Protein backbone atom coordinates (compact mmCIF):
# COMPACT_ATOMS: atom_id res chain seq x y z
CA UNK A 1 -14.56 -53.46 19.03
CA UNK A 2 -16.22 -51.89 15.99
CA UNK A 3 -13.11 -49.93 14.99
CA UNK A 4 -14.67 -46.51 15.57
CA UNK A 5 -11.87 -45.12 17.77
CA UNK A 6 -9.40 -45.98 15.01
CA UNK A 7 -11.70 -44.46 12.39
CA UNK A 8 -12.07 -41.36 14.54
CA UNK A 9 -8.29 -40.97 14.78
CA UNK A 10 -7.89 -41.40 11.03
CA UNK A 11 -10.61 -38.91 10.20
CA UNK A 12 -9.28 -36.42 12.75
CA UNK A 13 -5.81 -36.57 11.17
CA UNK A 14 -7.30 -36.24 7.70
CA UNK A 15 -9.41 -33.19 8.49
CA UNK A 16 -6.60 -31.56 10.48
CA UNK A 17 -4.28 -31.98 7.50
CA UNK A 18 -6.94 -30.54 5.21
CA UNK A 19 -7.36 -27.54 7.49
CA UNK A 20 -3.67 -26.82 7.75
CA UNK A 21 -3.02 -27.10 4.01
CA UNK A 22 -6.07 -25.49 2.51
CA UNK A 23 -8.55 -22.81 3.52
CA UNK A 24 -11.14 -22.64 6.28
CA UNK A 25 -13.96 -23.16 3.79
CA UNK A 26 -12.73 -26.66 2.96
CA UNK A 27 -12.47 -27.53 6.63
CA UNK A 28 -16.04 -26.45 7.37
CA UNK A 29 -17.17 -28.77 4.58
CA UNK A 30 -15.32 -31.72 6.11
CA UNK A 31 -16.53 -30.98 9.63
CA UNK A 32 -20.15 -30.71 8.46
CA UNK A 33 -19.82 -34.23 7.03
CA UNK A 34 -18.26 -35.80 10.11
CA UNK A 35 -19.79 -33.83 12.98
CA UNK A 36 -23.09 -35.79 13.35
CA UNK A 37 -21.17 -38.87 14.59
CA UNK A 38 -18.05 -37.15 15.94
CA UNK A 39 -19.00 -34.07 17.93
CA UNK A 40 -15.55 -34.03 19.51
CA UNK A 41 -13.96 -33.79 16.08
CA UNK A 42 -15.98 -30.68 15.25
CA UNK A 43 -15.05 -29.01 18.55
CA UNK A 44 -11.37 -29.86 18.24
CA UNK A 45 -11.02 -28.45 14.74
CA UNK A 46 -13.02 -25.32 15.54
CA UNK A 47 -10.89 -24.65 18.62
CA UNK A 48 -7.68 -25.26 16.67
CA UNK A 49 -8.79 -22.93 13.89
CA UNK A 50 -9.75 -20.23 16.37
CA UNK A 51 -6.48 -20.60 18.23
CA UNK A 52 -4.33 -20.46 15.12
CA UNK A 53 -6.36 -17.57 13.70
CA UNK A 54 -5.82 -15.66 16.91
CA UNK A 55 -2.09 -16.32 16.78
CA UNK A 56 -1.92 -15.18 13.16
CA UNK A 57 -3.75 -11.97 14.03
CA UNK A 58 -1.27 -11.26 16.84
CA UNK A 59 1.71 -11.95 14.59
CA UNK A 60 0.26 -9.83 11.80
CA UNK A 61 -0.33 -6.86 14.09
CA UNK A 62 3.19 -7.16 15.51
CA UNK A 63 5.03 -7.32 12.20
CA UNK A 64 5.33 -3.60 11.49
CA UNK A 65 8.84 -2.71 12.59
CA UNK A 66 10.48 0.70 12.72
CA UNK A 67 13.99 -0.02 11.41
CA UNK A 68 15.82 3.31 11.65
CA UNK A 69 15.44 7.06 11.37
CA UNK A 70 17.82 9.85 10.41
CA UNK A 71 17.89 13.52 9.49
CA UNK A 72 17.41 14.17 5.77
CA UNK A 73 18.02 17.70 4.46
CA UNK A 74 16.52 18.17 0.96
CA UNK A 75 15.91 21.01 -1.44
CA UNK A 76 12.30 20.95 -0.23
CA UNK A 77 13.29 21.40 3.42
CA UNK A 78 14.57 19.35 6.33
CA UNK A 79 12.89 16.02 7.03
CA UNK A 80 13.40 13.01 9.24
CA UNK A 81 13.45 9.82 7.18
CA UNK A 82 12.02 6.68 8.82
CA UNK A 83 12.34 3.12 7.53
CA UNK A 84 9.61 0.53 8.13
CA UNK A 85 9.32 -3.17 7.39
CA UNK A 86 6.34 -5.51 7.42
CA UNK A 87 5.87 -9.10 6.36
CA UNK A 88 7.78 -9.15 3.05
CA UNK A 89 9.47 -7.12 0.29
CA UNK A 90 6.17 -5.49 -0.68
CA UNK A 91 5.84 -4.25 2.90
CA UNK A 92 8.80 -1.92 3.10
CA UNK A 93 8.51 1.83 3.07
CA UNK A 94 10.22 5.06 3.93
CA UNK A 95 8.45 8.04 5.44
CA UNK A 96 9.78 11.59 5.20
CA UNK A 97 8.37 13.44 8.20
CA UNK A 98 8.35 17.05 9.33
CA UNK A 99 6.58 18.95 12.10
CA UNK A 100 4.19 17.90 14.85
CA UNK A 101 1.97 15.20 13.37
CA UNK A 102 -0.48 15.31 16.27
CA UNK A 103 -0.96 19.07 16.19
CA UNK A 104 -3.33 21.38 14.36
CA UNK A 105 -3.80 21.61 11.47
CA UNK A 106 -3.72 17.93 10.51
CA UNK A 107 -0.53 16.91 8.69
CA UNK A 108 -0.42 17.02 4.91
CA UNK A 109 0.27 13.48 3.67
CA UNK A 110 1.24 12.00 0.34
CA UNK A 111 1.15 8.19 -0.03
CA UNK A 112 3.32 7.76 -3.12
CA UNK A 113 3.90 4.58 -5.10
CA UNK A 114 7.44 4.00 -6.32
CA UNK A 115 7.94 4.61 -10.03
CA UNK A 116 11.48 3.96 -11.23
CA UNK A 117 10.77 5.12 -14.76
CA UNK A 118 9.14 8.35 -13.63
CA UNK A 119 10.66 9.25 -10.26
CA UNK A 120 14.25 8.34 -11.20
CA UNK A 121 14.47 8.24 -15.00
CA UNK A 122 12.11 11.22 -15.61
CA UNK A 123 9.78 9.33 -17.95
CA UNK A 124 6.97 11.39 -19.45
CA UNK A 125 4.66 8.40 -19.89
CA UNK A 126 3.14 9.14 -16.46
CA UNK A 127 2.78 12.01 -13.99
CA UNK A 128 4.57 10.27 -11.09
CA UNK A 129 7.70 12.42 -10.96
CA UNK A 130 5.65 15.60 -11.26
CA UNK A 131 3.35 14.45 -8.44
CA UNK A 132 6.32 13.57 -6.25
CA UNK A 133 7.90 16.99 -6.77
CA UNK A 134 4.64 18.83 -6.14
CA UNK A 135 3.95 16.79 -3.01
CA UNK A 136 7.37 17.47 -1.52
CA UNK A 137 7.00 21.18 -2.28
CA UNK A 138 3.61 21.35 -0.57
CA UNK A 139 4.68 19.26 2.44
CA UNK A 140 7.86 21.31 2.75
CA UNK A 141 5.77 24.46 3.09
CA UNK A 142 3.18 22.93 5.45
CA UNK A 143 3.47 23.09 9.26
CA UNK A 144 3.66 19.29 9.32
CA UNK A 145 3.49 16.44 6.88
CA UNK A 146 4.55 13.02 5.65
CA UNK A 147 5.75 11.70 2.31
CA UNK A 148 5.20 7.93 2.49
CA UNK A 149 7.08 6.14 -0.30
CA UNK A 150 6.00 2.58 -1.08
CA UNK A 151 7.32 -0.20 -3.38
CA UNK A 152 4.14 -0.42 -5.47
CA UNK A 153 5.69 -0.18 -8.93
CA UNK A 154 3.19 -0.20 -11.78
CA UNK A 155 0.20 0.20 -9.43
CA UNK A 156 1.28 -2.91 -7.58
CA UNK A 157 2.36 -5.27 -10.39
CA UNK A 158 6.15 -4.83 -10.11
CA UNK A 159 8.78 -3.36 -12.40
CA UNK A 160 9.16 -6.20 -14.92
CA UNK A 161 5.40 -6.52 -15.36
CA UNK A 162 5.14 -2.77 -15.74
CA UNK A 163 7.63 -2.96 -18.61
CA UNK A 164 5.50 -5.71 -20.16
CA UNK A 165 2.50 -3.41 -19.81
CA UNK A 166 4.46 -0.61 -21.52
CA UNK A 167 5.16 -2.96 -24.42
CA UNK A 168 1.43 -3.66 -24.76
CA UNK A 169 0.69 0.07 -24.58
CA UNK A 170 3.15 0.64 -27.43
CA UNK A 171 0.97 -1.79 -29.38
CA UNK A 172 -2.15 0.29 -28.81
CA UNK A 173 -3.57 -0.64 -25.38
CA UNK A 174 -4.16 1.90 -22.64
CA UNK A 175 -2.70 1.48 -19.14
CA UNK A 176 -5.78 -0.31 -17.75
CA UNK A 177 -6.16 -2.67 -20.73
CA UNK A 178 -2.46 -3.57 -20.53
CA UNK A 179 -2.54 -4.46 -16.82
CA UNK A 180 -5.71 -6.49 -17.22
CA UNK A 181 -4.33 -8.27 -20.30
CA UNK A 182 -1.43 -9.46 -18.12
CA UNK A 183 -3.89 -10.87 -15.60
CA UNK A 184 -3.74 -8.06 -13.04
CA UNK A 185 -6.31 -5.65 -11.70
CA UNK A 186 -6.28 -2.15 -13.14
CA UNK A 187 -4.96 -1.07 -9.74
CA UNK A 188 -3.54 -3.84 -7.53
CA UNK A 189 -2.43 -1.60 -4.65
CA UNK A 190 -3.45 -2.08 -1.04
CA UNK A 191 -3.13 0.62 1.63
CA UNK A 192 -3.43 -1.36 4.88
CA UNK A 193 0.34 -1.25 5.38
CA UNK A 194 0.33 2.49 4.74
CA UNK A 195 -2.35 2.96 7.37
CA UNK A 196 -0.31 1.00 9.94
CA UNK A 197 2.68 3.27 9.37
CA UNK A 198 0.59 6.43 9.65
CA UNK A 199 -0.87 5.17 12.92
CA UNK A 200 2.56 4.35 14.30
CA UNK A 201 3.72 7.86 13.42
CA UNK A 202 0.68 9.29 15.20
CA UNK A 203 -1.01 10.60 12.04
CA UNK A 204 -4.55 9.29 12.40
CA UNK A 205 -6.15 12.54 11.11
CA UNK A 206 -4.67 13.69 7.82
CA UNK A 207 -5.09 15.91 4.82
CA UNK A 208 -4.35 13.61 1.90
CA UNK A 209 -2.62 14.75 -1.28
CA UNK A 210 -4.34 12.55 -3.84
CA UNK A 211 -6.61 12.45 -6.87
CA UNK A 212 -7.60 8.83 -6.17
CA UNK A 213 -10.91 8.27 -4.30
CA UNK A 214 -10.08 4.58 -3.80
CA UNK A 215 -6.98 5.53 -1.82
CA UNK A 216 -9.13 7.69 0.43
CA UNK A 217 -11.65 4.87 0.91
CA UNK A 218 -9.02 2.26 1.75
CA UNK A 219 -7.23 4.47 4.27
CA UNK A 220 -10.49 5.36 5.98
CA UNK A 221 -11.51 1.69 6.16
CA UNK A 222 -8.14 1.01 7.80
CA UNK A 223 -8.80 3.61 10.52
CA UNK A 224 -7.25 6.80 9.12
CA UNK A 225 -9.53 9.81 9.16
CA UNK A 226 -9.06 11.79 5.94
CA UNK A 227 -10.43 15.19 6.88
CA UNK A 228 -9.55 16.71 3.51
CA UNK A 229 -8.53 15.46 0.09
CA UNK A 230 -6.05 17.91 -1.39
CA UNK A 231 -5.73 17.69 -5.21
CA UNK A 232 -2.30 16.64 -6.45
CA UNK A 233 -2.43 17.67 -10.09
CA UNK A 234 0.77 19.17 -11.45
CA UNK A 235 1.18 20.36 -15.01
CA UNK A 236 1.67 17.38 -17.29
CA UNK A 237 3.25 16.92 -20.68
CA UNK A 238 1.38 16.32 -23.92
CA UNK A 239 2.82 12.79 -23.91
CA UNK A 240 1.14 11.82 -20.63
CA UNK A 241 -2.28 13.35 -21.31
CA UNK A 242 -3.74 10.12 -22.77
CA UNK A 243 -2.58 8.25 -19.65
CA UNK A 244 -4.24 10.86 -17.45
CA UNK A 245 -7.51 10.67 -19.39
CA UNK A 246 -7.54 6.90 -18.92
CA UNK A 247 -7.04 7.26 -15.15
CA UNK A 248 -9.97 9.67 -15.04
CA UNK A 249 -12.32 7.70 -17.31
CA UNK A 250 -11.58 4.14 -16.18
CA UNK A 251 -10.23 4.46 -12.64
CA UNK A 252 -12.27 7.36 -11.34
CA UNK A 253 -9.39 9.71 -10.57
CA UNK A 254 -10.50 13.27 -9.90
CA UNK A 255 -8.68 15.32 -12.52
CA UNK A 256 -9.61 18.77 -13.75
CA UNK A 257 -9.31 19.76 -17.39
CA UNK A 258 -8.83 16.25 -18.79
């Protein structure tokens, strides 16, 4: 025997291990090297990759879970609060819901990123608390609406990194420069999870309270039809005006009078 069956088994185990531990691009490189002599190897890996990819897609689509819901009376009106979980701590959210979300007109929706310093501690460095208040006021007066509250502190970088960014801003950087100096994107948020929740609630056509065109684009790519962008621009303090100008100039937010 020339040892080829044994070589085949060794190579198969090697490439399978490579595939399972790295990314599909590495596997395609290995299979392109070995496939001229071992057609079966190429077929086996491709089928395994397809099978596992299919399983991952099914698991991913099934991982949005509605945890609980309860009545929530607020000073903005009566809501039902829903809790949702996805694949990890960054995929948890609450949705405050009122009215018939499938009726006309389309529900008024705010997708709001958590901001401990603003929403809870009333910081004037940003406009988050003012946007949250304005959104709840408008949704409370609308026939139907959703306030979706997401753990995306610091535009997705987390609380401790946001405090590091604040320290850099105190040294003279703006909010975008600070995030990028720490190795993050200017805005690291993703709205696929938000879109899944809106779909589960039945809100596939919405009027979106937002000044952020990227949020509109991401939601629409994820299958949510944004029939109207409603400005969400409350009055802001003198302290936060520089922050607002940076969001307009560097992040493309649609802000009047800045």
